[in-house]
C-alpha cells in the first residue's frame, strides 16, 4: 500500500511564507513525477508545480517567481516553498506522485490535502 502524507499548511498573512512537505511511503520501487495541485472553493483543481525524477520543473504562471518545488529522492519527499503569499493562493493543496510499486504497477497517487489560508 502506497501513501502520500502532506504537512505544512496553515494560516498566514499576505506576504508571508509557508513550506509544504509530502512524503511517500509503502512498497515503492520508483517515483517519477511529483508535484502539487490546489483547489479553491468552487474552482477546479489546478496545477501549481511539478518536478521530474531528474529535477526538471514546471510551474503555473501564478507560481513562477514566488514558489519553489524541490524533492529529496532519498526520502521520497517533495517540498513546496511558497513566498510572498497572496489571498488568491488560499486553497487546499494536494500532493501528487506517479509511483511504480514493488509489483511493477505504475499509478497516480494523491495526498489527502492540506489547507492553506492567506488572510490578514
Protein backbone atom coordinates (compact mmCIF):
# COMPACT_ATOMS: atom_id res chain seq x y z
CA UNK A 1 0.00 0.00 0.00
CA UNK A 2 1.44 3.35 -1.09
CA UNK A 3 0.52 6.54 0.73
CA UNK A 4 1.25 10.24 0.37
CA UNK A 5 1.18 12.28 3.57
CA UNK A 6 1.29 16.06 3.47
CA UNK A 7 2.17 18.61 6.13
CA UNK A 8 2.87 22.30 6.46
CA UNK A 9 -0.38 24.05 5.66
CA UNK A 10 -1.90 26.75 7.82
CA UNK A 11 -2.92 30.37 8.15
CA UNK A 12 -0.50 33.06 7.03
CA UNK A 13 -0.75 36.80 6.39
CA UNK A 14 -0.37 38.22 2.89
CA UNK A 15 3.30 38.46 2.00
CA UNK A 16 4.17 35.59 4.31
CA UNK A 17 5.71 32.21 3.57
CA UNK A 18 4.85 28.56 4.07
CA UNK A 19 6.63 25.32 3.25
CA UNK A 20 4.62 22.25 2.34
CA UNK A 21 6.05 18.75 2.56
CA UNK A 22 4.77 15.46 1.18
CA UNK A 23 6.31 12.06 1.86
CA UNK A 24 5.56 8.85 0.02
CA UNK A 25 5.69 5.56 1.88
CA UNK A 26 4.90 1.91 1.25
CA UNK A 27 6.03 -0.68 -1.27
CA UNK A 28 7.73 1.74 -3.69
CA UNK A 29 10.05 0.72 -6.48
CA UNK A 30 10.44 4.16 -8.03
CA UNK A 31 8.84 7.61 -8.16
CA UNK A 32 8.62 9.50 -11.40
CA UNK A 33 6.90 12.89 -11.36
CA UNK A 34 5.93 14.53 -8.07
CA UNK A 35 4.05 17.75 -7.68
CA UNK A 36 1.46 19.99 -6.12
CA UNK A 37 -2.02 20.92 -7.21
CA UNK A 38 -4.54 23.15 -5.48
CA UNK A 39 -8.28 23.60 -5.37
CA UNK A 40 -10.02 26.75 -4.19
CA UNK A 41 -13.71 26.76 -3.21
CA UNK A 42 -15.97 26.39 -6.24
CA UNK A 43 -13.00 26.10 -8.58
CA UNK A 44 -11.40 23.21 -10.41
CA UNK A 45 -8.19 21.61 -9.19
CA UNK A 46 -5.21 23.24 -10.89
CA UNK A 47 -1.53 22.56 -11.29
CA UNK A 48 0.84 24.55 -9.09
CA UNK A 49 4.20 22.91 -9.81
CA UNK A 50 5.68 19.55 -10.76
CA UNK A 51 9.19 18.11 -10.64
CA UNK A 52 10.60 15.12 -12.50
CA UNK A 53 12.83 12.45 -11.05
CA UNK A 54 15.84 14.21 -12.53
CA UNK A 55 14.88 17.59 -11.12
CA UNK A 56 13.24 19.26 -14.10
CA UNK A 57 10.44 21.57 -13.01
CA UNK A 58 7.31 23.16 -14.39
CA UNK A 59 5.28 25.92 -12.72
CA UNK A 60 1.90 27.51 -13.21
CA UNK A 61 2.21 31.15 -14.22
CA UNK A 62 0.70 32.15 -10.88
CA UNK A 63 3.50 30.35 -9.03
CA UNK A 64 6.50 31.49 -11.06
CA UNK A 65 8.88 33.70 -9.11
CA UNK A 66 7.16 33.03 -5.78
CA UNK A 67 7.04 29.25 -5.32
CA UNK A 68 9.87 26.74 -5.48
CA UNK A 69 9.37 22.99 -5.80
CA UNK A 70 12.11 20.57 -4.79
CA UNK A 71 12.46 16.92 -3.89
CA UNK A 72 14.64 14.61 -1.84
CA UNK A 73 14.70 11.28 -3.66
CA UNK A 74 16.39 9.50 -0.75
CA UNK A 75 13.43 10.44 1.46
CA UNK A 76 10.72 10.09 -1.22
CA UNK A 77 9.67 13.61 -0.30
CA UNK A 78 8.61 16.64 -2.30
CA UNK A 79 8.53 20.19 -0.97
CA UNK A 80 6.83 23.41 -1.99
CA UNK A 81 8.32 26.63 -0.65
CA UNK A 82 5.76 29.40 -1.04
CA UNK A 83 6.85 33.00 -0.61
CA UNK A 84 5.03 36.31 -0.96
CA UNK A 85 1.70 34.57 -0.49
CA UNK A 86 -1.45 36.29 -1.69
CA UNK A 87 -5.10 35.86 -0.67
CA UNK A 88 -5.76 34.22 -4.03
CA UNK A 89 -3.36 31.42 -3.05
CA UNK A 90 -5.92 30.28 -0.50
CA UNK A 91 -6.86 26.70 -1.35
CA UNK A 92 -6.50 23.07 -0.40
CA UNK A 93 -3.13 21.92 -1.68
CA UNK A 94 -2.78 18.32 -2.85
CA UNK A 95 0.41 16.37 -3.28
CA UNK A 96 0.68 14.17 -6.37
CA UNK A 97 3.08 11.44 -7.43
CA UNK A 98 3.43 8.91 -10.23
CA UNK A 99 4.74 5.83 -8.44
CA UNK A 100 5.78 2.36 -9.53
CA UNK A 101 5.19 -0.09 -6.71
CA UNK A 102 7.20 -3.18 -5.85
CA UNK A 103 4.98 -5.27 -8.16
CA UNK A 104 5.84 -3.09 -11.14
CA UNK A 105 2.48 -1.32 -11.32
CA UNK A 106 2.55 2.41 -12.10
CA UNK A 107 -0.23 4.53 -10.67
CA UNK A 108 -1.12 8.12 -9.87
CA UNK A 109 -1.37 8.83 -6.16
CA UNK A 110 -2.81 11.82 -4.29
CA UNK A 111 -2.40 13.08 -0.77
CA UNK A 112 -5.30 13.94 1.48
CA UNK A 113 -4.83 17.68 1.03
CA UNK A 114 -3.65 20.44 3.32
CA UNK A 115 -5.39 23.78 3.77
CA UNK A 116 -3.51 26.99 3.04
CA UNK A 117 -5.26 30.20 4.03
CA UNK A 118 -3.79 33.61 3.26
CA UNK A 119 -5.59 36.32 5.19
CA UNK A 120 -4.93 39.32 7.36
